[in-house]
Amino acid sequence: MKGIATSSGIGIGQVFLYKEPEIKVVKQNIEDIDLEINRFEDSVNNTIEEIDKLYKLTLKNIGESEAEIFSAHRMMLEDPEFISGVKDKIKNEKVNSEFAVKEVTDFYVSIFENIEDEYLKARAVDLKDVSKRLLRILMGIKSIDLSTIDKKSIIVAEDLTPSDTAQMNKEMVVGIVTELGGRTSHTSIIARTLEIPAIAGVKDITKLSNFGDSMIINGDTGEILLNPSLEVIGDYEEKTRELADLRDKLLAMKDKESLSKDGHKVEIAGNIGTPKDIDKVLENGGEGVGLYRTEFLYMDRDRLPSEEEQFDAYKIVAEKLGKRPLVIRTLDVGGDKELPYLNLPKEMNPFLGYRAIRLCLDRKDIFKIQLRAILRASAFGNIKIMFPMISDLSEVREAKAIIEEVKMDLRQENIPFDENIEIGIMVEIPAVAIHSRAFAKEVDFFSIGTNDLIQYTLAVDRGNQDIAYLYNQYHPSVLNLIKMTIENGHKEGIWVGMCGEAAGDKKLLPVLLAMGLDEFSMSASLILRARNDLQRYSKGEIRDHLDTLLSLGTSKDVENYIDENILK
């Protein structure tokens, strides 16, 4: 069997078949309305207590940005409309709490699921998760506790919710296989954070496997072996020992330069979402931060973050990095990341709409506060500013003019900042890649955002499960745009980095090296592996393959060519 490889490594263990306990809600008429409302309120309080425990557990074991999911869950349970909706149904229809909760939940979920906005669709998943927890407590149903797993196990499930992954005993969970999801799903992101091998998109795996079956998964290839022979298990156990040895070898690479076989130096940096994430980047020898996703400061809250809150968050990271670069991306919301308190307009196609730099240039009050915070923090480290979702030169010029206004204000207030702070843009729209020579004359650097560049170039919604197979970083058109961007940047004397998922792709590393990419920014867990792999390749030798590679017809042709002519 084979699925989508989403988190690297080999997992060997027994199947832990995870199926949520069935919750059947039956409508019942009640006599004592006050008693029923008290029962509902007690269950809500108990659910909040459970969610608070999950928040603390996630914060401790995984990270701050992942823990914030449970802050959002708590807010849902405290939402006056939801609570009053359930109580009104109990009072007016004299029905039991379980039925009232299900009816109100179904109403809101149907609204969310029929909205085009991907962020709101994701809220429907969160609401279902919260509702199931509340119903389970109301009905006295015990959930399967993933923290009690006491044998080396591979969790096999239709999908896992944030609540599920927060409870996992990460010492005993050696792999995850799900029927749903892809590389950008919650489960996949958590698996990579915890360095647990994972495979997604495996149809009917919960029907094909049984509790206690032996299983091997390869998170690099997407291969799954069910009930393999003892000989095969022995072979894979040897491979895991080799991987453990490699990990020890990789740790020795922590403080070394990122050099190719023929002595070409690049920079390997990390992507972060919160100040806490910087520790992982440094532990893995990151040479800087190529992408600080500042939107996490704005999400899962009911108001905009203040200038001081932002300044503190940026300053912490800048000081920890010292002289190493910190590329801060300005607010990138809209599309799949909505801020409810901004009351953004509902759009037919939010990914092509009012988002990122477009929103910031329209809401200069929000933009200027963020720029003040970034500039103030630049006095404490090597900070660079990066604008997302640029599609037109006029946007770059207007954004730079606003920075100059903010600089002038800070000078008048005698507040120190880096006068020569570098300003760059994300190249994630094909129009910018094609016209990149002109853009390179206006900025100090490019960072290629492959996640959206692939989506826009191939017209593939990367969140749509039905067409996920079309979303491919090996597509010749995507690679040609990347090469064009790098060459045009260099012609104008600026450096070019990459902060999308493709930067950490093992197969693309030598290709991007040959193209002349200066900076690779990736998940912290991939940094040491990338540095180790880099020393195996000669930039000059691989460059001879580029013309052939880029003239191939399909993604599969490209991938096969890399396998057969470069990786070997």
Protein backbone atom coordinates (compact mmCIF):
# COMPACT_ATOMS: atom_id res chain seq x y z
CA MET A 1 0.00 0.00 0.00
CA LYS A 2 1.09 3.55 -0.57
CA GLY A 3 -0.04 7.00 0.53
CA ILE A 4 1.26 10.57 0.71
CA ALA A 5 4.57 10.74 2.61
CA THR A 6 4.10 13.63 5.06
CA SER A 7 6.72 13.14 7.79
CA SER A 8 10.01 11.34 7.19
CA GLY A 9 11.43 8.31 8.97
CA ILE A 10 10.66 4.61 9.42
CA GLY A 11 8.06 3.38 11.90
CA ILE A 12 7.85 -0.26 13.04
CA GLY A 13 5.15 -1.27 15.49
CA GLN A 14 1.73 -2.76 16.06
CA VAL A 15 -1.41 -1.17 14.70
CA PHE A 16 -3.34 0.95 17.18
CA LEU A 17 -6.64 1.22 15.32
CA TYR A 18 -8.17 4.47 16.46
CA LYS A 19 -11.89 4.80 15.95
CA GLU A 20 -13.85 7.37 17.87
CA PRO A 21 -16.55 5.93 20.15
CA GLU A 22 -19.90 6.13 18.41
CA ILE A 23 -22.11 8.89 19.74
CA LYS A 24 -25.81 8.31 19.07
CA VAL A 25 -27.96 11.23 20.13
CA VAL A 26 -31.59 10.41 20.82
CA LYS A 27 -34.22 13.09 21.23
CA GLN A 28 -35.92 12.97 24.63
CA ASN A 29 -38.60 15.12 26.20
CA ILE A 30 -37.75 16.53 29.63
CA GLU A 31 -39.93 17.88 32.44
CA ASP A 32 -37.49 19.79 34.67
CA ILE A 33 -36.03 22.50 32.43
CA ASP A 34 -33.88 24.08 35.19
CA LEU A 35 -32.35 20.72 36.08
CA GLU A 36 -31.51 20.06 32.40
CA ILE A 37 -29.93 23.49 31.96
CA ASN A 38 -27.84 22.92 35.10
CA ARG A 39 -26.71 19.57 33.66
CA PHE A 40 -25.74 21.31 30.42
CA GLU A 41 -23.82 24.07 32.26
CA ASP A 42 -21.96 21.52 34.42
CA SER A 43 -20.94 19.59 31.30
CA VAL A 44 -19.71 22.78 29.61
CA ASN A 45 -17.56 23.57 32.67
CA ASN A 46 -16.17 20.03 32.71
CA THR A 47 -15.40 20.26 29.00
CA ILE A 48 -13.57 23.56 29.50
CA GLU A 49 -11.50 21.94 32.27
CA GLU A 50 -10.57 19.11 29.89
CA ILE A 51 -9.65 21.57 27.13
CA ASP A 52 -7.48 23.60 29.53
CA LYS A 53 -5.57 20.42 30.42
CA LEU A 54 -5.07 19.69 26.72
CA TYR A 55 -3.79 23.26 26.20
CA LYS A 56 -1.15 22.83 28.93
CA LEU A 57 -0.21 19.37 27.65
CA THR A 58 0.21 20.64 24.08
CA LEU A 59 2.17 23.69 25.20
CA LYS A 60 4.57 21.45 27.11
CA ASN A 61 4.94 18.63 24.56
CA ILE A 62 4.50 20.28 21.15
CA GLY A 63 4.55 24.07 21.04
CA GLU A 64 2.79 27.37 21.54
CA SER A 65 1.18 27.76 18.11
CA GLU A 66 -0.26 24.22 18.29
CA ALA A 67 -1.58 24.84 21.83
CA GLU A 68 -3.46 27.91 20.63
CA ILE A 69 -5.90 25.57 18.86
CA PHE A 70 -7.33 24.79 22.28
CA SER A 71 -7.65 28.47 23.15
CA ALA A 72 -9.93 28.68 20.09
CA HIS A 73 -11.86 25.60 21.29
CA ARG A 74 -12.39 27.22 24.69
CA MET A 75 -13.67 30.40 23.02
CA MET A 76 -16.23 28.33 21.09
CA LEU A 77 -17.57 26.84 24.32
CA GLU A 78 -17.79 30.30 25.84
CA ASP A 79 -19.48 31.82 22.78
CA PRO A 80 -22.75 33.46 23.97
CA GLU A 81 -24.59 32.61 20.74
CA PHE A 82 -23.76 28.91 21.00
CA ILE A 83 -24.59 28.68 24.72
CA SER A 84 -27.83 30.67 24.46
CA GLY A 85 -28.82 28.70 21.34
CA VAL A 86 -28.61 25.42 23.26
CA LYS A 87 -30.38 26.80 26.33
CA ASP A 88 -33.18 28.30 24.22
CA LYS A 89 -33.73 24.97 22.49
CA ILE A 90 -33.93 23.19 25.88
CA LYS A 91 -36.41 25.77 27.22
CA ASN A 92 -38.59 26.21 24.14
CA GLU A 93 -38.72 22.61 22.92
CA LYS A 94 -38.27 20.85 26.31
CA VAL A 95 -35.60 18.54 24.86
CA ASN A 96 -32.55 16.93 26.43
CA SER A 97 -29.16 18.70 26.34
CA GLU A 98 -27.57 16.18 23.99
CA PHE A 99 -30.21 16.76 21.32
CA ALA A 100 -30.03 20.54 21.76
CA VAL A 101 -26.22 20.54 21.44
CA LYS A 102 -26.34 18.40 18.29
CA GLU A 103 -29.02 20.54 16.66
CA VAL A 104 -27.21 23.84 17.36
CA THR A 105 -23.84 22.38 16.30
CA ASP A 106 -25.26 21.00 13.05
CA PHE A 107 -26.76 24.41 12.29
CA TYR A 108 -23.46 26.27 12.63
CA VAL A 109 -21.41 23.53 10.94
CA SER A 110 -23.70 23.63 7.88
CA ILE A 111 -23.16 27.40 7.64
CA PHE A 112 -19.36 27.09 7.93
CA GLU A 113 -19.11 24.21 5.45
CA ASN A 114 -21.04 26.09 2.79
CA ILE A 115 -18.71 29.10 2.90
CA GLU A 116 -15.90 29.18 0.34
CA ASP A 117 -13.38 30.55 2.84
CA GLU A 118 -10.97 27.75 3.86
CA TYR A 119 -10.37 29.24 7.31
CA LEU A 120 -14.08 29.11 8.15
CA LYS A 121 -14.33 25.57 6.80
CA ALA A 122 -11.56 24.65 9.23
CA ARG A 123 -13.63 26.21 12.03
CA ALA A 124 -16.36 23.69 11.20
CA VAL A 125 -13.88 20.90 11.99
CA ASP A 126 -12.98 22.59 15.29
CA LEU A 127 -16.65 23.00 16.20
CA LYS A 128 -17.32 19.31 15.52
CA ASP A 129 -14.34 18.41 17.73
CA VAL A 130 -15.59 20.60 20.59
CA SER A 131 -19.16 19.34 20.20
CA LYS A 132 -18.08 15.67 20.30
CA ARG A 133 -16.15 16.31 23.51
CA LEU A 134 -19.16 18.04 25.08
CA LEU A 135 -21.57 15.28 23.99
CA ARG A 136 -19.24 12.58 25.28
CA ILE A 137 -19.13 14.25 28.70
CA LEU A 138 -22.91 14.76 28.70
CA MET A 139 -23.47 11.09 27.89
CA GLY A 140 -20.74 9.70 30.15
CA ILE A 141 -18.89 8.06 27.25
CA LYS A 142 -15.20 7.46 27.85
CA SER A 143 -12.88 8.43 25.01
CA ILE A 144 -9.92 6.37 23.83
CA ASP A 145 -6.96 7.80 25.66
CA LEU A 146 -3.95 7.89 23.32
CA SER A 147 -1.71 8.81 26.26
CA THR A 148 -2.09 5.25 27.62
CA ILE A 149 -0.45 3.58 24.60
CA ASP A 150 2.29 1.48 26.22
CA LYS A 151 3.70 -0.47 23.25
CA LYS A 152 5.49 0.76 20.13
CA SER A 153 2.47 1.56 18.00
CA ILE A 154 1.44 3.06 14.69
CA ILE A 155 -1.84 4.94 15.01
CA VAL A 156 -4.17 4.09 12.12
CA ALA A 157 -7.19 6.40 11.85
CA GLU A 158 -9.53 8.09 9.43
CA ASP A 159 -8.01 11.33 10.69
CA LEU A 160 -6.78 12.79 13.97
CA THR A 161 -8.10 15.95 15.60
CA PRO A 162 -5.95 18.46 17.53
CA SER A 163 -7.34 16.88 20.72
CA ASP A 164 -6.14 13.44 19.61
CA THR A 165 -2.60 14.52 18.77
CA ALA A 166 -2.28 16.48 22.02
CA GLN A 167 -2.91 13.30 24.02
CA MET A 168 -0.54 10.99 22.12
CA ASN A 169 2.17 9.26 24.10
CA LYS A 170 4.95 10.43 21.81
CA GLU A 171 7.41 7.98 23.39
CA MET A 172 5.35 5.03 22.17
CA VAL A 173 3.76 6.36 18.97
CA VAL A 174 6.26 5.46 16.23
CA GLY A 175 4.06 6.30 13.25
CA ILE A 176 0.75 7.71 12.04
CA VAL A 177 -1.32 6.58 9.05
CA THR A 178 -4.56 8.37 8.11
CA GLU A 179 -7.14 8.02 5.38
CA LEU A 180 -7.58 11.78 5.06
CA GLY A 181 -5.17 14.72 4.90
CA GLY A 182 -1.99 15.67 3.06
CA ARG A 183 1.33 17.43 3.72
CA THR A 184 -0.35 20.61 5.00
CA SER A 185 -2.94 18.94 7.28
CA HIS A 186 -2.84 19.46 11.05
CA THR A 187 -1.80 15.85 11.69
CA SER A 188 1.09 16.05 9.22
CA ILE A 189 2.40 19.31 10.65
CA ILE A 190 2.30 17.92 14.20
CA ALA A 191 3.99 14.69 13.08
CA ARG A 192 6.86 16.68 11.54
CA THR A 193 7.13 18.82 14.67
CA LEU A 194 7.38 15.68 16.84
CA GLU A 195 9.56 13.91 14.24
CA ILE A 196 7.12 10.98 13.99
CA PRO A 197 6.94 9.20 10.58
CA ALA A 198 3.54 9.78 8.96
CA ILE A 199 1.60 8.89 5.83
CA ALA A 200 -1.75 10.41 4.78
CA GLY A 201 -4.38 9.79 2.12
CA VAL A 202 -4.43 5.98 2.45
CA LYS A 203 -7.89 4.88 1.31
CA ASP A 204 -9.67 2.32 3.52
CA ILE A 205 -6.64 1.71 5.75
CA THR A 206 -8.93 1.48 8.81
CA LYS A 207 -10.83 -1.36 7.10
CA LEU A 208 -7.74 -3.16 5.81
CA SER A 209 -5.88 -3.28 9.14
CA ASN A 210 -6.80 -4.66 12.55
CA PHE A 211 -5.82 -3.78 16.09
CA GLY A 212 -2.52 -5.52 16.91
CA ASP A 213 -1.44 -6.17 13.30
CA SER A 214 2.26 -5.57 12.72
CA MET A 215 3.04 -2.66 10.39
CA ILE A 216 6.01 -0.87 8.87
CA ILE A 217 5.72 2.61 7.36
CA ASN A 218 8.26 4.65 5.42
CA GLY A 219 7.53 8.34 5.84
CA ASP A 220 9.97 9.21 3.03
CA THR A 221 8.36 7.08 0.32
CA GLY A 222 4.77 6.71 1.58
CA GLU A 223 5.05 2.90 1.58
CA ILE A 224 3.10 0.76 4.09
CA LEU A 225 3.80 -2.92 4.81
CA LEU A 226 1.04 -4.73 6.69
CA ASN A 227 1.95 -7.90 8.61
CA PRO A 228 5.41 -8.19 7.01
CA SER A 229 7.58 -11.29 7.47
CA LEU A 230 10.14 -11.46 10.29
CA GLU A 231 12.87 -11.18 7.67
CA VAL A 232 11.43 -7.91 6.32
CA ILE A 233 10.99 -6.56 9.85
CA GLY A 234 14.66 -7.39 10.50
CA ASP A 235 15.71 -5.49 7.36
CA TYR A 236 13.76 -2.41 8.40
CA GLU A 237 15.05 -2.57 11.98
CA GLU A 238 18.54 -2.39 10.49
CA LYS A 239 17.44 0.65 8.48
CA THR A 240 16.15 2.36 11.66
CA ARG A 241 19.52 1.72 13.34
CA GLU A 242 21.20 3.30 10.33
CA LEU A 243 18.87 6.29 10.65
CA ALA A 244 19.71 6.60 14.37
CA ASP A 245 23.42 6.54 13.49
CA LEU A 246 22.74 9.16 10.84
CA ARG A 247 20.99 11.34 13.43
CA ASP A 248 24.11 11.19 15.63
CA LYS A 249 26.20 12.07 12.59
CA LEU A 250 23.85 14.94 11.78
CA LEU A 251 24.25 16.43 15.25
CA ALA A 252 27.96 16.73 14.49
CA MET A 253 26.98 19.01 11.56
CA LYS A 254 25.23 21.51 13.86
CA ASP A 255 27.90 24.23 13.93
CA LYS A 256 29.41 23.59 10.50
CA GLU A 257 29.00 25.71 7.39
CA SER A 258 26.51 24.65 4.72
CA LEU A 259 28.89 23.70 1.89
CA SER A 260 28.44 21.68 -1.29
CA LYS A 261 30.98 19.07 -2.39
CA ASP A 262 32.68 21.64 -4.62
CA GLY A 263 32.82 24.26 -1.85
CA HIS A 264 29.78 26.38 -2.75
CA LYS A 265 28.30 27.97 0.39
CA VAL A 266 24.58 28.47 1.00
CA GLU A 267 22.55 29.41 4.05
CA ILE A 268 20.19 26.89 5.67
CA ALA A 269 17.64 28.60 7.91
CA GLY A 270 14.41 27.73 9.70
CA ASN A 271 10.75 28.75 9.45
CA ILE A 272 9.01 29.80 12.68
CA GLY A 273 5.55 30.91 13.79
CA THR A 274 6.15 31.96 17.42
CA PRO A 275 9.13 33.12 19.52
CA LYS A 276 9.26 29.71 21.19
CA ASP A 277 9.98 28.04 17.83
CA ILE A 278 13.41 29.68 17.60
CA ASP A 279 14.83 27.24 20.15
CA LYS A 280 14.29 24.29 17.79
CA VAL A 281 15.94 26.19 14.92
CA LEU A 282 19.03 26.89 17.04
CA GLU A 283 19.15 23.33 18.43
CA ASN A 284 19.32 22.09 14.84
CA GLY A 285 22.03 24.53 13.78
CA GLY A 286 19.88 26.93 11.78
CA GLU A 287 21.89 29.80 10.30
CA GLY A 288 18.98 32.18 10.76
CA VAL A 289 15.24 32.44 10.23
CA GLY A 290 14.10 32.70 6.63
CA LEU A 291 10.43 33.10 7.50
CA TYR A 292 8.80 34.41 10.67
CA ARG A 293 5.05 33.92 10.12
CA THR A 294 3.72 36.89 12.09
CA GLU A 295 0.05 36.05 11.50
CA PHE A 296 0.13 33.72 14.52
CA LEU A 297 0.37 36.84 16.70
CA TYR A 298 -2.98 37.96 15.30
CA MET A 299 -4.89 34.66 15.32
CA ASP A 300 -7.07 32.95 17.95
CA ARG A 301 -7.78 36.17 19.82
CA ASP A 302 -10.52 38.80 19.82
CA ARG A 303 -8.45 41.93 19.10
CA LEU A 304 -5.36 43.12 17.24
CA PRO A 305 -2.01 42.67 19.02
CA SER A 306 -0.56 45.93 20.32
CA GLU A 307 2.70 47.44 19.10
CA GLU A 308 4.38 46.41 22.36
CA GLU A 309 3.20 42.80 22.09
CA GLN A 310 4.61 42.58 18.59
CA PHE A 311 7.84 44.37 19.49
CA ASP A 312 8.47 41.94 22.36
CA ALA A 313 7.83 38.90 20.13
CA TYR A 314 10.22 40.12 17.41
CA LYS A 315 12.87 41.32 19.87
CA ILE A 316 13.05 37.94 21.67
CA VAL A 317 13.85 36.14 18.42
CA ALA A 318 16.26 38.83 17.16
CA GLU A 319 18.28 38.71 20.39
CA LYS A 320 18.47 34.92 20.39
CA LEU A 321 19.71 34.92 16.79
CA GLY A 322 22.34 37.61 17.41
CA LYS A 323 24.01 38.43 14.08
CA ARG A 324 22.16 35.71 12.21
CA PRO A 325 19.39 36.99 9.87
CA LEU A 326 15.73 37.13 10.85
CA VAL A 327 13.33 37.58 7.93
CA ILE A 328 9.98 38.82 9.25
CA ARG A 329 7.01 38.45 6.91
CA THR A 330 4.45 41.18 7.37
CA LEU A 331 0.86 40.25 8.15
CA ASP A 332 -0.34 37.52 5.81
CA VAL A 333 -4.04 36.94 6.52
CA GLY A 334 -7.04 36.42 4.31
CA GLY A 335 -7.42 33.36 2.09
CA ASP A 336 -7.30 30.44 4.53
CA LYS A 337 -6.42 32.65 7.52
CA GLU A 338 -9.24 34.93 8.58
CA LEU A 339 -9.32 37.24 11.59
CA PRO A 340 -12.96 37.32 12.75
CA TYR A 341 -12.52 40.59 14.65
CA LEU A 342 -11.57 42.41 11.42
CA ASN A 343 -14.93 41.55 9.81
CA LEU A 344 -13.28 40.93 6.46
CA PRO A 345 -15.67 40.75 3.50
CA LYS A 346 -16.83 37.30 2.42
CA GLU A 347 -15.37 36.49 -1.00
CA MET A 348 -16.11 34.00 -3.75
CA ASN A 349 -12.39 33.25 -4.13
CA PRO A 350 -10.49 34.42 -1.04
CA PHE A 351 -7.13 33.00 -2.19
CA LEU A 352 -7.18 35.53 -5.04
CA GLY A 353 -8.78 38.28 -3.02
CA TYR A 354 -8.39 40.78 -0.22
CA ARG A 355 -5.41 39.36 1.66
CA ALA A 356 -1.78 39.84 2.76
CA ILE A 357 -0.16 42.99 1.32
CA ARG A 358 -3.46 44.02 -0.29
CA LEU A 359 -5.12 44.17 3.11
CA CYS A 360 -2.13 45.93 4.72
CA LEU A 361 -1.98 48.67 2.09
CA ASP A 362 -5.70 49.25 2.57
CA ARG A 363 -5.53 49.11 6.39
CA LYS A 364 -2.47 51.31 6.91
CA ASP A 365 -3.37 51.73 10.58
CA ILE A 366 -2.72 48.01 11.15
CA PHE A 367 0.30 47.95 8.82
CA LYS A 368 2.07 50.91 10.43
CA ILE A 369 1.78 49.45 13.93
CA GLN A 370 3.43 46.24 12.75
CA LEU A 371 6.16 48.10 10.86
CA ARG A 372 6.91 50.25 13.95
CA ALA A 373 7.28 47.09 16.04
CA ILE A 374 9.56 45.43 13.47
CA LEU A 375 11.74 48.52 13.01
CA ARG A 376 12.09 49.01 16.77
CA ALA A 377 13.12 45.35 17.15
CA SER A 378 15.70 45.79 14.34
CA ALA A 379 17.91 47.65 16.84
CA PHE A 380 18.42 44.33 18.62
CA GLY A 381 19.42 42.04 15.76
CA ASN A 382 19.77 41.42 12.02
CA ILE A 383 16.14 41.85 10.95
CA LYS A 384 14.86 41.98 7.37
CA ILE A 385 11.29 42.87 6.28
CA MET A 386 9.43 40.77 3.70
CA PHE A 387 6.12 41.54 1.98
CA PRO A 388 3.81 38.62 1.00
CA MET A 389 1.44 38.20 -1.95
CA ILE A 390 3.05 40.89 -4.10
CA SER A 391 1.66 40.99 -7.63
CA ASP A 392 2.48 44.48 -8.87
CA LEU A 393 5.46 46.84 -8.59
CA SER A 394 3.19 49.62 -7.37
CA GLU A 395 2.52 47.55 -4.21
CA VAL A 396 6.25 47.32 -3.47
CA ARG A 397 6.72 51.05 -3.96
CA GLU A 398 3.75 51.95 -1.79
CA ALA A 399 4.85 49.59 1.00
CA LYS A 400 8.39 51.01 0.92
CA ALA A 401 6.98 54.54 1.11
CA ILE A 402 5.00 53.58 4.23
CA ILE A 403 8.19 52.19 5.79
CA GLU A 404 9.88 55.54 5.15
CA GLU A 405 6.99 57.33 6.89
CA VAL A 406 7.33 55.05 9.91
CA LYS A 407 11.11 55.57 9.96
CA MET A 408 10.59 59.33 9.99
CA ASP A 409 8.20 59.05 12.95
CA LEU A 410 10.69 56.93 14.88
CA ARG A 411 13.52 59.39 14.21
CA GLN A 412 11.39 62.23 15.55
CA GLU A 413 10.70 60.15 18.68
CA ASN A 414 14.44 59.32 19.04
CA ILE A 415 13.67 55.60 18.87
CA PRO A 416 16.62 53.60 17.47
CA PHE A 417 16.26 51.20 14.52
CA ASP A 418 18.37 49.76 11.70
CA GLU A 419 18.53 52.56 9.11
CA ASN A 420 19.74 50.11 6.45
CA ILE A 421 17.21 47.36 7.11
CA GLU A 422 16.81 45.09 4.08
CA ILE A 423 13.43 44.91 2.36
CA GLY A 424 12.34 41.96 0.26
CA ILE A 425 9.30 40.27 -1.24
CA MET A 426 7.89 36.78 -1.47
CA VAL A 427 7.75 35.47 -5.01
CA GLU A 428 4.59 33.36 -4.93
CA ILE A 429 2.60 34.68 -7.90
CA PRO A 430 3.68 33.60 -11.43
CA ALA A 431 3.42 37.19 -12.72
CA VAL A 432 6.17 38.26 -10.30
CA ALA A 433 8.43 35.34 -11.23
CA ILE A 434 8.04 36.16 -14.93
CA HIS A 435 8.72 39.87 -14.34
CA SER A 436 11.25 39.27 -11.55
CA ARG A 437 14.08 41.28 -13.15
CA ALA A 438 12.04 44.48 -12.74
CA PHE A 439 11.09 43.61 -9.15
CA ALA A 440 14.73 42.83 -8.31
CA LYS A 441 15.66 46.46 -9.08
CA GLU A 442 13.33 47.60 -6.27
CA VAL A 443 14.18 45.25 -3.36
CA ASP A 444 17.13 43.74 -1.48
CA PHE A 445 16.10 40.09 -1.71
CA PHE A 446 13.56 37.56 -2.95
CA SER A 447 12.13 34.62 -1.00
CA ILE A 448 10.29 32.09 -3.16
CA GLY A 449 7.08 30.90 -1.50
CA THR A 450 6.59 27.60 -3.29
CA ASN A 451 3.38 26.61 -1.46
CA ASP A 452 1.39 29.33 -3.23
CA LEU A 453 3.59 29.51 -6.33
CA ILE A 454 2.70 25.88 -7.09
CA GLN A 455 -0.96 26.49 -6.31
CA TYR A 456 -1.24 29.53 -8.57
CA THR A 457 0.93 28.17 -11.39
CA LEU A 458 -0.95 24.87 -11.63
CA ALA A 459 -4.41 26.25 -10.69
CA VAL A 460 -4.68 23.64 -7.93
CA ASP A 461 -6.29 24.33 -4.56
CA ARG A 462 -3.71 22.72 -2.25
CA GLY A 463 -6.40 22.08 0.37
CA ASN A 464 -8.68 20.12 -1.99
CA GLN A 465 -8.34 16.38 -1.35
CA ASP A 466 -9.85 15.43 -4.72
CA ILE A 467 -7.14 17.15 -6.77
CA ALA A 468 -4.21 16.87 -4.34
CA TYR A 469 -2.39 14.62 -6.84
CA LEU A 470 -2.05 17.61 -9.22
CA TYR A 471 -0.24 19.73 -6.63
CA ASN A 472 3.39 18.93 -7.38
CA GLN A 473 6.66 20.79 -6.80
CA TYR A 474 8.38 18.77 -9.55
CA HIS A 475 6.23 20.26 -12.32
CA PRO A 476 8.57 21.61 -15.05
CA SER A 477 6.65 24.92 -15.20
CA VAL A 478 7.17 25.52 -11.48
CA LEU A 479 10.88 24.67 -11.69
CA ASN A 480 11.36 26.95 -14.70
CA LEU A 481 9.75 29.83 -12.79
CA ILE A 482 12.04 29.18 -9.82
CA LYS A 483 15.14 29.15 -12.04
CA MET A 484 14.03 32.36 -13.78
CA THR A 485 13.50 34.10 -10.44
CA ILE A 486 16.94 33.10 -9.11
CA GLU A 487 18.73 34.18 -12.30
CA ASN A 488 16.93 37.54 -12.48
CA GLY A 489 17.63 38.25 -8.83
CA HIS A 490 21.33 37.55 -9.30
CA LYS A 491 21.48 39.71 -12.45
CA GLU A 492 20.41 42.66 -10.29
CA GLY A 493 22.78 41.76 -7.45
CA ILE A 494 20.28 40.56 -4.83
CA TRP A 495 20.19 37.26 -2.93
CA VAL A 496 17.39 34.76 -3.44
CA GLY A 497 15.97 32.40 -0.81
CA MET A 498 13.12 29.92 -0.59
CA CYS A 499 10.77 29.49 2.37
CA GLY A 500 8.11 27.13 0.98
CA GLU A 501 7.91 23.39 1.68
CA ALA A 502 10.00 22.66 -1.43
CA ALA A 503 13.08 24.17 0.29
CA GLY A 504 13.20 21.12 2.56
CA ASP A 505 12.58 18.58 -0.20
CA LYS A 506 15.44 16.08 -0.26
CA LYS A 507 15.16 15.48 -4.01
CA LEU A 508 14.99 19.16 -4.94
CA LEU A 509 17.96 20.20 -2.78
CA PRO A 510 20.62 19.43 -5.43
CA VAL A 511 18.47 20.95 -8.20
CA LEU A 512 17.97 24.20 -6.28
CA LEU A 513 21.67 24.24 -5.43
CA ALA A 514 22.52 23.98 -9.15
CA MET A 515 20.05 26.79 -9.93
CA GLY A 516 22.00 29.04 -7.55
CA LEU A 517 19.55 29.38 -4.65
CA ASP A 518 21.33 31.29 -1.86
CA GLU A 519 19.15 30.46 1.15
CA PHE A 520 17.03 27.41 2.00
CA SER A 521 14.52 27.98 4.82
CA MET A 522 12.64 24.95 6.18
CA SER A 523 11.17 23.20 9.22
CA ALA A 524 13.76 23.05 12.00
CA SER A 525 13.77 19.23 11.99
CA LEU A 526 15.04 19.17 8.37
CA ILE A 527 18.00 21.54 8.74
CA LEU A 528 20.73 19.09 9.75
CA ARG A 529 19.70 16.53 7.16
CA ALA A 530 19.79 19.18 4.43
CA ARG A 531 23.27 20.32 5.50
CA ASN A 532 24.52 16.75 5.48
CA ASP A 533 23.00 16.01 2.06
CA LEU A 534 24.41 19.23 0.59
CA GLN A 535 28.02 18.09 0.99
CA ARG A 536 27.31 15.09 -1.28
CA TYR A 537 26.53 17.24 -4.33
CA SER A 538 28.68 19.30 -6.68
CA LYS A 539 26.91 22.41 -7.89
CA GLY A 540 28.92 22.42 -11.11
CA GLU A 541 28.18 18.81 -11.99
CA ILE A 542 24.43 19.05 -11.38
CA ARG A 543 24.20 22.30 -13.33
CA ASP A 544 24.98 20.26 -16.47
CA HIS A 545 21.68 18.39 -15.93
CA LEU A 546 19.44 21.47 -15.65
CA ASP A 547 18.64 22.05 -19.34
CA THR A 548 17.58 18.42 -19.80
CA LEU A 549 15.65 18.38 -16.52
CA LEU A 550 13.72 21.57 -17.26
CA SER A 551 12.78 20.45 -20.77
CA LEU A 552 11.00 17.30 -19.55
CA GLY A 553 7.24 16.99 -20.03
CA THR A 554 5.76 15.91 -16.70
CA SER A 555 6.32 16.01 -12.95
CA LYS A 556 6.88 12.25 -12.96
CA ASP A 557 9.52 12.57 -15.70
CA VAL A 558 11.33 15.18 -13.58
CA GLU A 559 11.19 13.08 -10.43
CA ASN A 560 12.44 9.98 -12.25
CA TYR A 561 15.28 11.94 -13.84
CA ILE A 562 16.39 13.25 -10.43
CA ASP A 563 16.27 9.73 -8.96
CA GLU A 564 18.22 8.13 -11.80
CA ASN A 565 20.74 10.82 -12.74
CA ILE A 566 21.31 13.06 -9.72
CA LEU A 567 20.56 11.27 -6.45
CA LYS A 568 22.41 8.12 -7.55
